[in-house]
């Protein structure tokens, strides 16, 4: 089995023993280990007792790498989406961050998680993505998002107006700080903090959530993920922001954006002792009475 490991450079070296534990357990199971070149540039000075191969930016991964493990939080796993692209390689995230909706494996459960992965004691949870297109091609080939695509004003700018069209028909004009187009996966991220609903991943839906709307009668709206959305933006300032997960571009021209479901899905590994409901309960503290703590 070939398993590749991905992560960002860590500011806090307190995670190094956990990273060492990941490599030690992979070695124990006889796994052929590959490390993404970005993580290798950080680890080469710290992890010296484990044999692994470096995965370069131009190396073929489709049909070669069996599983990707991410070390970090949800942001790290979102970064991984552009590396995996449409290869279909399953991902599992070990959470060194805070909340960890996507990177759901606790760092104290590394040994059990790797044992389950190596012995294929898991199911694949296929998640839909969004793609964004425009004549500017601002994100190049990495124009897709697992969580959300966001149109947002600059920090020092007045509110923006976003005109939205659903399958070519005018839907609404949103005055405010911006608008979030979220997948079901991303419904527990930025959209949730702006009052959006939680959507189960298998519901084949997306949600349009306004950010600080000027009109109080404007509310989030759930749409089928088979639709195509178009956006025209008016801004009093000279520019505004468009984000695709963690990647952000400054737009200073009049341009129409089109957002639709991506042509491929991402395969998340869900261990047999996990479920989407258990993740929600654990991360959102459902069923717990805070008065008892």
C-alpha atoms as a PDB file:
ATOM      1  CA  UNK A   1       0.000   0.000   0.000  1.00  0.00           C
ATOM      2  CA  UNK A   2       1.279   3.457  -0.927  1.00  0.00           C
ATOM      3  CA  UNK A   3       0.194   6.234   1.443  1.00  0.00           C
ATOM      4  CA  UNK A   4       1.132   9.883   0.944  1.00  0.00           C
ATOM      5  CA  UNK A   5       1.259  12.446   3.741  1.00  0.00           C
ATOM      6  CA  UNK A   6       0.478  16.133   3.293  1.00  0.00           C
ATOM      7  CA  UNK A   7       0.664  19.099   5.660  1.00  0.00           C
ATOM      8  CA  UNK A   8       1.583  22.720   6.054  1.00  0.00           C
ATOM      9  CA  UNK A   9       4.684  23.861   7.960  1.00  0.00           C
ATOM     10  CA  UNK A  10       3.847  23.984  11.671  1.00  0.00           C
ATOM     11  CA  UNK A  11       4.562  27.007  13.853  1.00  0.00           C
ATOM     12  CA  UNK A  12       4.365  24.962  17.032  1.00  0.00           C
ATOM     13  CA  UNK A  13       6.816  22.083  17.360  1.00  0.00           C
ATOM     14  CA  UNK A  14       4.599  20.457  20.010  1.00  0.00           C
ATOM     15  CA  UNK A  15       2.973  18.479  17.165  1.00  0.00           C
ATOM     16  CA  UNK A  16       6.246  16.796  16.159  1.00  0.00           C
ATOM     17  CA  UNK A  17       5.791  13.763  18.467  1.00  0.00           C
ATOM     18  CA  UNK A  18       2.376  13.141  16.900  1.00  0.00           C
ATOM     19  CA  UNK A  19       3.835  13.409  13.412  1.00  0.00           C
ATOM     20  CA  UNK A  20       6.548  10.954  14.426  1.00  0.00           C
ATOM     21  CA  UNK A  21       3.804   8.643  15.687  1.00  0.00           C
ATOM     22  CA  UNK A  22       2.078   8.774  12.290  1.00  0.00           C
ATOM     23  CA  UNK A  23       5.260   7.735  10.484  1.00  0.00           C
ATOM     24  CA  UNK A  24       6.147   5.075  13.061  1.00  0.00           C
ATOM     25  CA  UNK A  25       2.721   3.448  12.733  1.00  0.00           C
ATOM     26  CA  UNK A  26       2.812   3.555   8.936  1.00  0.00           C
ATOM     27  CA  UNK A  27       6.256   1.920   9.015  1.00  0.00           C
ATOM     28  CA  UNK A  28       5.023  -0.700  11.471  1.00  0.00           C
ATOM     29  CA  UNK A  29       2.338  -1.753   8.977  1.00  0.00           C
ATOM     30  CA  UNK A  30       4.840  -2.002   6.108  1.00  0.00           C
ATOM     31  CA  UNK A  31       3.374   0.927   4.196  1.00  0.00           C
ATOM     32  CA  UNK A  32       5.358   2.575   1.410  1.00  0.00           C
ATOM     33  CA  UNK A  33       5.408   6.196   2.594  1.00  0.00           C
ATOM     34  CA  UNK A  34       5.458   9.273   0.385  1.00  0.00           C
ATOM     35  CA  UNK A  35       5.633  12.821   1.729  1.00  0.00           C
ATOM     36  CA  UNK A  36       4.447  15.837  -0.227  1.00  0.00           C
ATOM     37  CA  UNK A  37       7.405  18.082  -1.039  1.00  0.00           C
ATOM     38  CA  UNK A  38       5.938  21.025   0.920  1.00  0.00           C
ATOM     39  CA  UNK A  39       5.788  18.989   4.126  1.00  0.00           C
ATOM     40  CA  UNK A  40       9.179  17.386   3.440  1.00  0.00           C
ATOM     41  CA  UNK A  41      10.838  20.816   3.328  1.00  0.00           C
ATOM     42  CA  UNK A  42       9.648  21.315   6.904  1.00  0.00           C
ATOM     43  CA  UNK A  43      10.152  17.785   8.266  1.00  0.00           C
ATOM     44  CA  UNK A  44      13.621  17.090   6.888  1.00  0.00           C
ATOM     45  CA  UNK A  45      15.181  18.812   9.901  1.00  0.00           C
ATOM     46  CA  UNK A  46      12.990  16.995  12.464  1.00  0.00           C
ATOM     47  CA  UNK A  47      11.967  13.544  11.237  1.00  0.00           C
ATOM     48  CA  UNK A  48      15.181  11.713  10.399  1.00  0.00           C
ATOM     49  CA  UNK A  49      14.536   8.171  11.643  1.00  0.00           C
ATOM     50  CA  UNK A  50      11.880   7.208   9.075  1.00  0.00           C
ATOM     51  CA  UNK A  51      12.461   6.219   5.474  1.00  0.00           C
ATOM     52  CA  UNK A  52      10.096   7.856   3.001  1.00  0.00           C
ATOM     53  CA  UNK A  53      10.063   9.146  -0.558  1.00  0.00           C
ATOM     54  CA  UNK A  54       9.370  12.744  -1.545  1.00  0.00           C
ATOM     55  CA  UNK A  55       6.357  13.405  -3.736  1.00  0.00           C
ATOM     56  CA  UNK A  56       7.179  16.205  -6.174  1.00  0.00           C
ATOM     57  CA  UNK A  57       4.689  18.682  -7.615  1.00  0.00           C
ATOM     58  CA  UNK A  58       4.891  17.046 -11.060  1.00  0.00           C
ATOM     59  CA  UNK A  59       4.780  13.426  -9.893  1.00  0.00           C
ATOM     60  CA  UNK A  60       1.868  11.302 -11.050  1.00  0.00           C
ATOM     61  CA  UNK A  61      -0.485  10.384  -8.211  1.00  0.00           C
ATOM     62  CA  UNK A  62      -3.578   8.986  -9.961  1.00  0.00           C
ATOM     63  CA  UNK A  63      -3.400   5.204  -9.981  1.00  0.00           C
ATOM     64  CA  UNK A  64      -0.170   5.342  -7.949  1.00  0.00           C
ATOM     65  CA  UNK A  65      -0.991   6.705  -4.488  1.00  0.00           C
ATOM     66  CA  UNK A  66      -3.651   4.680  -2.651  1.00  0.00           C
ATOM     67  CA  UNK A  67      -4.506   7.071   0.202  1.00  0.00           C
ATOM     68  CA  UNK A  68      -3.607  10.596   1.308  1.00  0.00           C
ATOM     69  CA  UNK A  69      -3.287  11.523   4.987  1.00  0.00           C
ATOM     70  CA  UNK A  70      -3.384  15.204   5.928  1.00  0.00           C
ATOM     71  CA  UNK A  71      -1.769  16.531   9.096  1.00  0.00           C
ATOM     72  CA  UNK A  72      -3.388  19.709  10.390  1.00  0.00           C
ATOM     73  CA  UNK A  73      -6.886  21.125  10.506  1.00  0.00           C
ATOM     74  CA  UNK A  74      -9.715  21.531   8.041  1.00  0.00           C
ATOM     75  CA  UNK A  75      -7.779  24.219   6.155  1.00  0.00           C
ATOM     76  CA  UNK A  76      -4.986  21.743   5.460  1.00  0.00           C
ATOM     77  CA  UNK A  77      -7.443  19.224   4.075  1.00  0.00           C
ATOM     78  CA  UNK A  78      -9.025  21.918   1.898  1.00  0.00           C
ATOM     79  CA  UNK A  79      -5.562  22.713   0.485  1.00  0.00           C
ATOM     80  CA  UNK A  80      -5.226  19.042  -0.369  1.00  0.00           C
ATOM     81  CA  UNK A  81      -8.229  19.246  -2.712  1.00  0.00           C
ATOM     82  CA  UNK A  82      -6.194  21.062  -5.375  1.00  0.00           C
ATOM     83  CA  UNK A  83      -3.454  18.426  -5.141  1.00  0.00           C
ATOM     84  CA  UNK A  84      -5.809  15.458  -5.502  1.00  0.00           C
ATOM     85  CA  UNK A  85      -8.083  17.160  -8.058  1.00  0.00           C
ATOM     86  CA  UNK A  86     -10.103  14.540  -9.957  1.00  0.00           C
ATOM     87  CA  UNK A  87      -7.815  11.596  -9.163  1.00  0.00           C
ATOM     88  CA  UNK A  88     -10.357  10.029  -6.781  1.00  0.00           C
ATOM     89  CA  UNK A  89      -7.680   9.242  -4.180  1.00  0.00           C
ATOM     90  CA  UNK A  90      -9.320   8.893  -0.738  1.00  0.00           C
ATOM     91  CA  UNK A  91      -8.319  11.365   2.005  1.00  0.00           C
ATOM     92  CA  UNK A  92      -8.306  11.134   5.773  1.00  0.00           C
ATOM     93  CA  UNK A  93      -7.346  14.042   8.007  1.00  0.00           C
ATOM     94  CA  UNK A  94      -5.637  13.886  11.397  1.00  0.00           C
ATOM     95  CA  UNK A  95      -6.668  16.987  13.300  1.00  0.00           C
ATOM     96  CA  UNK A  96      -3.883  19.110  14.796  1.00  0.00           C
ATOM     97  CA  UNK A  97      -6.125  22.191  14.640  1.00  0.00           C
ATOM     98  CA  UNK A  98      -9.240  23.204  16.540  1.00  0.00           C
ATOM     99  CA  UNK A  99     -12.727  22.146  15.423  1.00  0.00           C
ATOM    100  CA  UNK A 100     -11.971  19.565  12.753  1.00  0.00           C
ATOM    101  CA  UNK A 101     -15.176  18.805  10.842  1.00  0.00           C
ATOM    102  CA  UNK A 102     -13.274  17.404   7.850  1.00  0.00           C
ATOM    103  CA  UNK A 103     -10.029  16.385   9.560  1.00  0.00           C
ATOM    104  CA  UNK A 104     -11.946  14.384  12.124  1.00  0.00           C
ATOM    105  CA  UNK A 105      -9.286  12.041  13.561  1.00  0.00           C
ATOM    106  CA  UNK A 106      -8.118  13.177  16.984  1.00  0.00           C
ATOM    107  CA  UNK A 107      -4.351  13.213  17.408  1.00  0.00           C
ATOM    108  CA  UNK A 108      -4.768  10.875  20.386  1.00  0.00           C
ATOM    109  CA  UNK A 109      -6.336   8.235  18.120  1.00  0.00           C
ATOM    110  CA  UNK A 110      -3.533   8.017  15.549  1.00  0.00           C
ATOM    111  CA  UNK A 111      -2.584   4.388  16.193  1.00  0.00           C
ATOM    112  CA  UNK A 112      -6.163   3.075  15.933  1.00  0.00           C
ATOM    113  CA  UNK A 113      -6.939   5.227  12.880  1.00  0.00           C
ATOM    114  CA  UNK A 114      -3.899   4.077  10.906  1.00  0.00           C
ATOM    115  CA  UNK A 115      -4.616   0.456  11.815  1.00  0.00           C
ATOM    116  CA  UNK A 116      -8.152   0.872  10.455  1.00  0.00           C
ATOM    117  CA  UNK A 117      -6.958   2.607   7.275  1.00  0.00           C
ATOM    118  CA  UNK A 118      -4.283   0.038   6.474  1.00  0.00           C
ATOM    119  CA  UNK A 119      -6.755  -2.814   7.048  1.00  0.00           C
ATOM    120  CA  UNK A 120      -9.432  -1.016   4.974  1.00  0.00           C
ATOM    121  CA  UNK A 121     -11.877  -0.780   7.870  1.00  0.00           C
ATOM    122  CA  UNK A 122     -13.582   2.265   6.455  1.00  0.00           C
ATOM    123  CA  UNK A 123     -16.147   3.522   3.970  1.00  0.00           C
ATOM    124  CA  UNK A 124     -15.802   6.255   1.357  1.00  0.00           C
ATOM    125  CA  UNK A 125     -17.885   9.368   1.831  1.00  0.00           C
ATOM    126  CA  UNK A 126     -18.134  11.054  -1.587  1.00  0.00           C
ATOM    127  CA  UNK A 127     -18.555  14.827  -1.355  1.00  0.00           C
ATOM    128  CA  UNK A 128     -19.645  17.183  -4.118  1.00  0.00           C
ATOM    129  CA  UNK A 129     -17.644  20.279  -5.039  1.00  0.00           C
ATOM    130  CA  UNK A 130     -18.413  23.609  -6.696  1.00  0.00           C
ATOM    131  CA  UNK A 131     -16.621  25.102  -9.679  1.00  0.00           C
ATOM    132  CA  UNK A 132     -16.422  28.785 -10.595  1.00  0.00           C
ATOM    133  CA  UNK A 133     -15.902  30.095 -14.113  1.00  0.00           C
ATOM    134  CA  UNK A 134     -15.476  33.510 -15.704  1.00  0.00           C
ATOM    135  CA  UNK A 135     -13.677  35.053 -18.626  1.00  0.00           C
ATOM    136  CA  UNK A 136     -10.840  36.042 -16.266  1.00  0.00           C
ATOM    137  CA  UNK A 137     -10.114  32.431 -15.192  1.00  0.00           C
ATOM    138  CA  UNK A 138      -8.917  33.843 -11.885  1.00  0.00           C
ATOM    139  CA  UNK A 139      -8.167  30.469 -10.260  1.00  0.00           C
ATOM    140  CA  UNK A 140      -6.865  28.723 -13.355  1.00  0.00           C
ATOM    141  CA  UNK A 141      -7.395  24.977 -13.230  1.00  0.00           C
ATOM    142  CA  UNK A 142      -7.905  25.089  -9.441  1.00  0.00           C
ATOM    143  CA  UNK A 143     -11.321  26.690  -9.849  1.00  0.00           C
ATOM    144  CA  UNK A 144     -13.228  24.352  -7.538  1.00  0.00           C
ATOM    145  CA  UNK A 145     -14.125  24.329  -3.852  1.00  0.00           C
ATOM    146  CA  UNK A 146     -15.108  21.661  -1.353  1.00  0.00           C
ATOM    147  CA  UNK A 147     -16.540  24.093   1.212  1.00  0.00           C
ATOM    148  CA  UNK A 148     -17.630  27.316  -0.430  1.00  0.00           C
ATOM    149  CA  UNK A 149     -17.157  30.080  -2.948  1.00  0.00           C
ATOM    150  CA  UNK A 150     -17.517  33.569  -1.513  1.00  0.00           C
ATOM    151  CA  UNK A 151     -17.937  37.053  -2.964  1.00  0.00           C
ATOM    152  CA  UNK A 152     -16.999  39.662  -0.353  1.00  0.00           C
ATOM    153  CA  UNK A 153     -16.259  43.353  -0.048  1.00  0.00           C
ATOM    154  CA  UNK A 154     -12.815  44.616   0.928  1.00  0.00           C
ATOM    155  CA  UNK A 155     -12.250  45.451   4.594  1.00  0.00           C
ATOM    156  CA  UNK A 156     -12.241  49.212   4.013  1.00  0.00           C
ATOM    157  CA  UNK A 157     -14.991  49.288   1.371  1.00  0.00           C
ATOM    158  CA  UNK A 158     -18.695  50.059   1.479  1.00  0.00           C
ATOM    159  CA  UNK A 159     -21.213  47.266   1.016  1.00  0.00           C
ATOM    160  CA  UNK A 160     -21.495  45.612  -2.370  1.00  0.00           C
ATOM    161  CA  UNK A 161     -24.513  44.651  -4.454  1.00  0.00           C
ATOM    162  CA  UNK A 162     -24.581  41.133  -5.866  1.00  0.00           C
ATOM    163  CA  UNK A 163     -27.152  40.356  -8.565  1.00  0.00           C
ATOM    164  CA  UNK A 164     -27.856  36.622  -8.652  1.00  0.00           C
ATOM    165  CA  UNK A 165     -29.359  34.598 -11.497  1.00  0.00           C
ATOM    166  CA  UNK A 166     -30.607  31.026 -11.154  1.00  0.00           C
ATOM    167  CA  UNK A 167     -30.352  29.027 -14.397  1.00  0.00           C
ATOM    168  CA  UNK A 168     -30.432  32.331 -16.289  1.00  0.00           C
ATOM    169  CA  UNK A 169     -33.480  33.720 -14.443  1.00  0.00           C
ATOM    170  CA  UNK A 170     -33.075  36.664 -12.064  1.00  0.00           C
ATOM    171  CA  UNK A 171     -33.250  35.496  -8.439  1.00  0.00           C
ATOM    172  CA  UNK A 172     -32.432  38.471  -6.217  1.00  0.00           C
ATOM    173  CA  UNK A 173     -30.093  41.395  -5.589  1.00  0.00           C
ATOM    174  CA  UNK A 174     -28.181  41.193  -2.333  1.00  0.00           C
ATOM    175  CA  UNK A 175     -26.962  44.379  -0.632  1.00  0.00           C
ATOM    176  CA  UNK A 176     -24.444  43.697   2.119  1.00  0.00           C
ATOM    177  CA  UNK A 177     -20.918  42.520   2.823  1.00  0.00           C
ATOM    178  CA  UNK A 178     -21.150  39.666   0.350  1.00  0.00           C
ATOM    179  CA  UNK A 179     -22.612  36.262  -0.354  1.00  0.00           C
ATOM    180  CA  UNK A 180     -21.557  32.648   0.270  1.00  0.00           C
ATOM    181  CA  UNK A 181     -22.267  29.794  -2.135  1.00  0.00           C
ATOM    182  CA  UNK A 182     -21.751  26.715   0.008  1.00  0.00           C
ATOM    183  CA  UNK A 183     -21.771  22.995  -0.646  1.00  0.00           C
ATOM    184  CA  UNK A 184     -23.491  20.683   1.820  1.00  0.00           C
ATOM    185  CA  UNK A 185     -20.013  19.922   3.186  1.00  0.00           C
ATOM    186  CA  UNK A 186     -19.312  23.625   3.683  1.00  0.00           C
ATOM    187  CA  UNK A 187     -22.661  24.267   5.351  1.00  0.00           C
ATOM    188  CA  UNK A 188     -20.970  23.755   8.733  1.00  0.00           C
ATOM    189  CA  UNK A 189     -18.256  26.316   7.927  1.00  0.00           C
ATOM    190  CA  UNK A 190     -18.535  30.038   7.016  1.00  0.00           C
ATOM    191  CA  UNK A 191     -22.182  29.705   5.982  1.00  0.00           C
ATOM    192  CA  UNK A 192     -23.162  28.358   9.401  1.00  0.00           C
ATOM    193  CA  UNK A 193     -21.529  31.320  11.162  1.00  0.00           C
ATOM    194  CA  UNK A 194     -23.642  33.648   8.997  1.00  0.00           C
ATOM    195  CA  UNK A 195     -26.908  31.960   9.919  1.00  0.00           C
ATOM    196  CA  UNK A 196     -27.019  29.307   7.211  1.00  0.00           C
ATOM    197  CA  UNK A 197     -28.528  25.840   7.755  1.00  0.00           C
ATOM    198  CA  UNK A 198     -26.723  22.560   8.288  1.00  0.00           C
ATOM    199  CA  UNK A 199     -27.176  20.378   5.200  1.00  0.00           C
ATOM    200  CA  UNK A 200     -26.526  16.640   5.166  1.00  0.00           C
ATOM    201  CA  UNK A 201     -23.941  15.759   2.491  1.00  0.00           C
ATOM    202  CA  UNK A 202     -26.211  13.266   0.704  1.00  0.00           C
ATOM    203  CA  UNK A 203     -29.001  15.836   0.227  1.00  0.00           C
ATOM    204  CA  UNK A 204     -27.641  17.002  -3.186  1.00  0.00           C
ATOM    205  CA  UNK A 205     -28.118  20.641  -2.229  1.00  0.00           C
ATOM    206  CA  UNK A 206     -26.191  23.865  -1.896  1.00  0.00           C
ATOM    207  CA  UNK A 207     -27.012  26.993   0.080  1.00  0.00           C
ATOM    208  CA  UNK A 208     -26.851  30.668  -0.822  1.00  0.00           C
ATOM    209  CA  UNK A 209     -26.110  32.630   2.369  1.00  0.00           C
ATOM    210  CA  UNK A 210     -25.899  36.452   2.486  1.00  0.00           C
ATOM    211  CA  UNK A 211     -23.184  38.033   4.638  1.00  0.00           C
ATOM    212  CA  UNK A 212     -24.557  40.879   6.808  1.00  0.00           C
ATOM    213  CA  UNK A 213     -27.433  41.711   4.419  1.00  0.00           C
ATOM    214  CA  UNK A 214     -28.752  45.281   4.409  1.00  0.00           C
ATOM    215  CA  UNK A 215     -32.324  44.015   3.885  1.00  0.00           C
ATOM    216  CA  UNK A 216     -33.643  42.082   6.871  1.00  0.00           C
ATOM    217  CA  UNK A 217     -36.079  40.076   4.732  1.00  0.00           C
ATOM    218  CA  UNK A 218     -33.172  38.367   2.941  1.00  0.00           C
ATOM    219  CA  UNK A 219     -32.466  34.885   4.274  1.00  0.00           C
ATOM    220  CA  UNK A 220     -30.353  31.877   3.229  1.00  0.00           C
ATOM    221  CA  UNK A 221     -31.892  29.785   0.473  1.00  0.00           C
ATOM    222  CA  UNK A 222     -31.309  26.090  -0.264  1.00  0.00           C
ATOM    223  CA  UNK A 223     -31.026  25.156  -3.932  1.00  0.00           C
ATOM    224  CA  UNK A 224     -30.502  21.893  -5.834  1.00  0.00           C
ATOM    225  CA  UNK A 225     -26.847  21.330  -6.678  1.00  0.00           C
ATOM    226  CA  UNK A 226     -27.836  20.687 -10.292  1.00  0.00           C
ATOM    227  CA  UNK A 227     -28.481  24.409 -10.869  1.00  0.00           C
ATOM    228  CA  UNK A 228     -26.157  27.040 -12.348  1.00  0.00           C
ATOM    229  CA  UNK A 229     -25.782  30.366 -10.559  1.00  0.00           C
ATOM    230  CA  UNK A 230     -24.522  33.575 -12.159  1.00  0.00           C
ATOM    231  CA  UNK A 231     -23.317  36.666 -10.304  1.00  0.00           C
ATOM    232  CA  UNK A 232     -22.885  40.318 -11.302  1.00  0.00           C
ATOM    233  CA  UNK A 233     -21.280  42.529  -8.657  1.00  0.00           C
ATOM    234  CA  UNK A 234     -21.538  46.281  -8.134  1.00  0.00           C
ATOM    235  CA  UNK A 235     -19.082  47.942  -5.783  1.00  0.00           C
ATOM    236  CA  UNK A 236     -18.574  51.567  -4.781  1.00  0.00           C
ATOM    237  CA  UNK A 237     -14.950  50.745  -4.142  1.00  0.00           C
ATOM    238  CA  UNK A 238     -12.448  49.913  -6.790  1.00  0.00           C
ATOM    239  CA  UNK A 239     -12.465  46.167  -6.143  1.00  0.00           C
ATOM    240  CA  UNK A 240     -13.857  43.237  -4.160  1.00  0.00           C
ATOM    241  CA  UNK A 241     -12.814  39.702  -3.230  1.00  0.00           C
ATOM    242  CA  UNK A 242     -13.697  36.291  -4.614  1.00  0.00           C
ATOM    243  CA  UNK A 243     -12.653  33.255  -2.581  1.00  0.00           C
ATOM    244  CA  UNK A 244     -12.547  29.598  -3.539  1.00  0.00           C
ATOM    245  CA  UNK A 245     -12.097  27.752  -0.249  1.00  0.00           C
ATOM    246  CA  UNK A 246      -8.814  29.186   1.087  1.00  0.00           C
ATOM    247  CA  UNK A 247      -7.723  30.819  -2.191  1.00  0.00           C
ATOM    248  CA  UNK A 248      -8.638  34.476  -2.681  1.00  0.00           C
ATOM    249  CA  UNK A 249      -8.424  36.843  -5.652  1.00  0.00           C
ATOM    250  CA  UNK A 250      -8.959  40.600  -5.865  1.00  0.00           C
ATOM    251  CA  UNK A 251     -11.320  41.570  -8.691  1.00  0.00           C
ATOM    252  CA  UNK A 252     -11.063  45.097 -10.118  1.00  0.00           C
ATOM    253  CA  UNK A 253     -13.103  44.646 -13.311  1.00  0.00           C
ATOM    254  CA  UNK A 254     -16.743  44.134 -14.249  1.00  0.00           C
ATOM    255  CA  UNK A 255     -17.115  40.403 -14.724  1.00  0.00           C
ATOM    256  CA  UNK A 256     -19.840  37.754 -14.498  1.00  0.00           C
ATOM    257  CA  UNK A 257     -19.132  34.638 -12.471  1.00  0.00           C
ATOM    258  CA  UNK A 258     -20.817  31.287 -12.997  1.00  0.00           C
ATOM    259  CA  UNK A 259     -20.943  28.708 -10.222  1.00  0.00           C
ATOM    260  CA  UNK A 260     -22.097  25.118 -10.692  1.00  0.00           C
ATOM    261  CA  UNK A 261     -21.453  21.622  -9.426  1.00  0.00           C
ATOM    262  CA  UNK A 262     -17.987  20.314 -10.287  1.00  0.00           C
ATOM    263  CA  UNK A 263     -17.622  17.361 -12.632  1.00  0.00           C
ATOM    264  CA  UNK A 264     -15.943  15.180  -9.980  1.00  0.00           C
ATOM    265  CA  UNK A 265     -16.255  14.392  -6.279  1.00  0.00           C
ATOM    266  CA  UNK A 266     -13.860  14.098  -3.360  1.00  0.00           C
ATOM    267  CA  UNK A 267     -13.609  10.822  -1.443  1.00  0.00           C
ATOM    268  CA  UNK A 268     -13.308  11.285   2.307  1.00  0.00           C
ATOM    269  CA  UNK A 269     -12.443   8.264   4.429  1.00  0.00           C
ATOM    270  CA  UNK A 270     -14.917   7.634   7.222  1.00  0.00           C
ATOM    271  CA  UNK A 271     -13.822   5.016   9.748  1.00  0.00           C
ATOM    272  CA  UNK A 272     -16.355   2.367  10.660  1.00  0.00           C
ATOM    273  CA  UNK A 273     -16.816   3.829  14.152  1.00  0.00           C
ATOM    274  CA  UNK A 274     -17.696   7.262  12.747  1.00  0.00           C
ATOM    275  CA  UNK A 275     -20.812   8.801  11.227  1.00  0.00           C
ATOM    276  CA  UNK A 276     -21.827  12.270  10.085  1.00  0.00           C
ATOM    277  CA  UNK A 277     -24.220  12.490  13.023  1.00  0.00           C
ATOM    278  CA  UNK A 278     -21.529  11.564  15.533  1.00  0.00           C
ATOM    279  CA  UNK A 279     -19.269  14.241  14.062  1.00  0.00           C
ATOM    280  CA  UNK A 280     -22.017  16.854  14.412  1.00  0.00           C
ATOM    281  CA  UNK A 281     -22.728  15.852  17.999  1.00  0.00           C
ATOM    282  CA  UNK A 282     -19.065  15.867  18.993  1.00  0.00           C
ATOM    283  CA  UNK A 283     -18.080  19.103  17.262  1.00  0.00           C
ATOM    284  CA  UNK A 284     -21.215  21.115  18.110  1.00  0.00           C
ATOM    285  CA  UNK A 285     -21.590  19.624  21.619  1.00  0.00           C
ATOM    286  CA  UNK A 286     -25.132  18.482  20.901  1.00  0.00           C
ATOM    287  CA  UNK A 287     -26.805  16.548  23.689  1.00  0.00           C
ATOM    288  CA  UNK A 288     -24.603  18.086  26.370  1.00  0.00           C
ATOM    289  CA  UNK A 289     -25.861  20.414  29.060  1.00  0.00           C
ATOM    290  CA  UNK A 290     -23.231  23.133  29.448  1.00  0.00           C
ATOM    291  CA  UNK A 291     -24.554  23.896  32.937  1.00  0.00           C
ATOM    292  CA  UNK A 292     -22.952  20.667  34.121  1.00  0.00           C
ATOM    293  CA  UNK A 293     -19.431  21.760  33.129  1.00  0.00           C
END
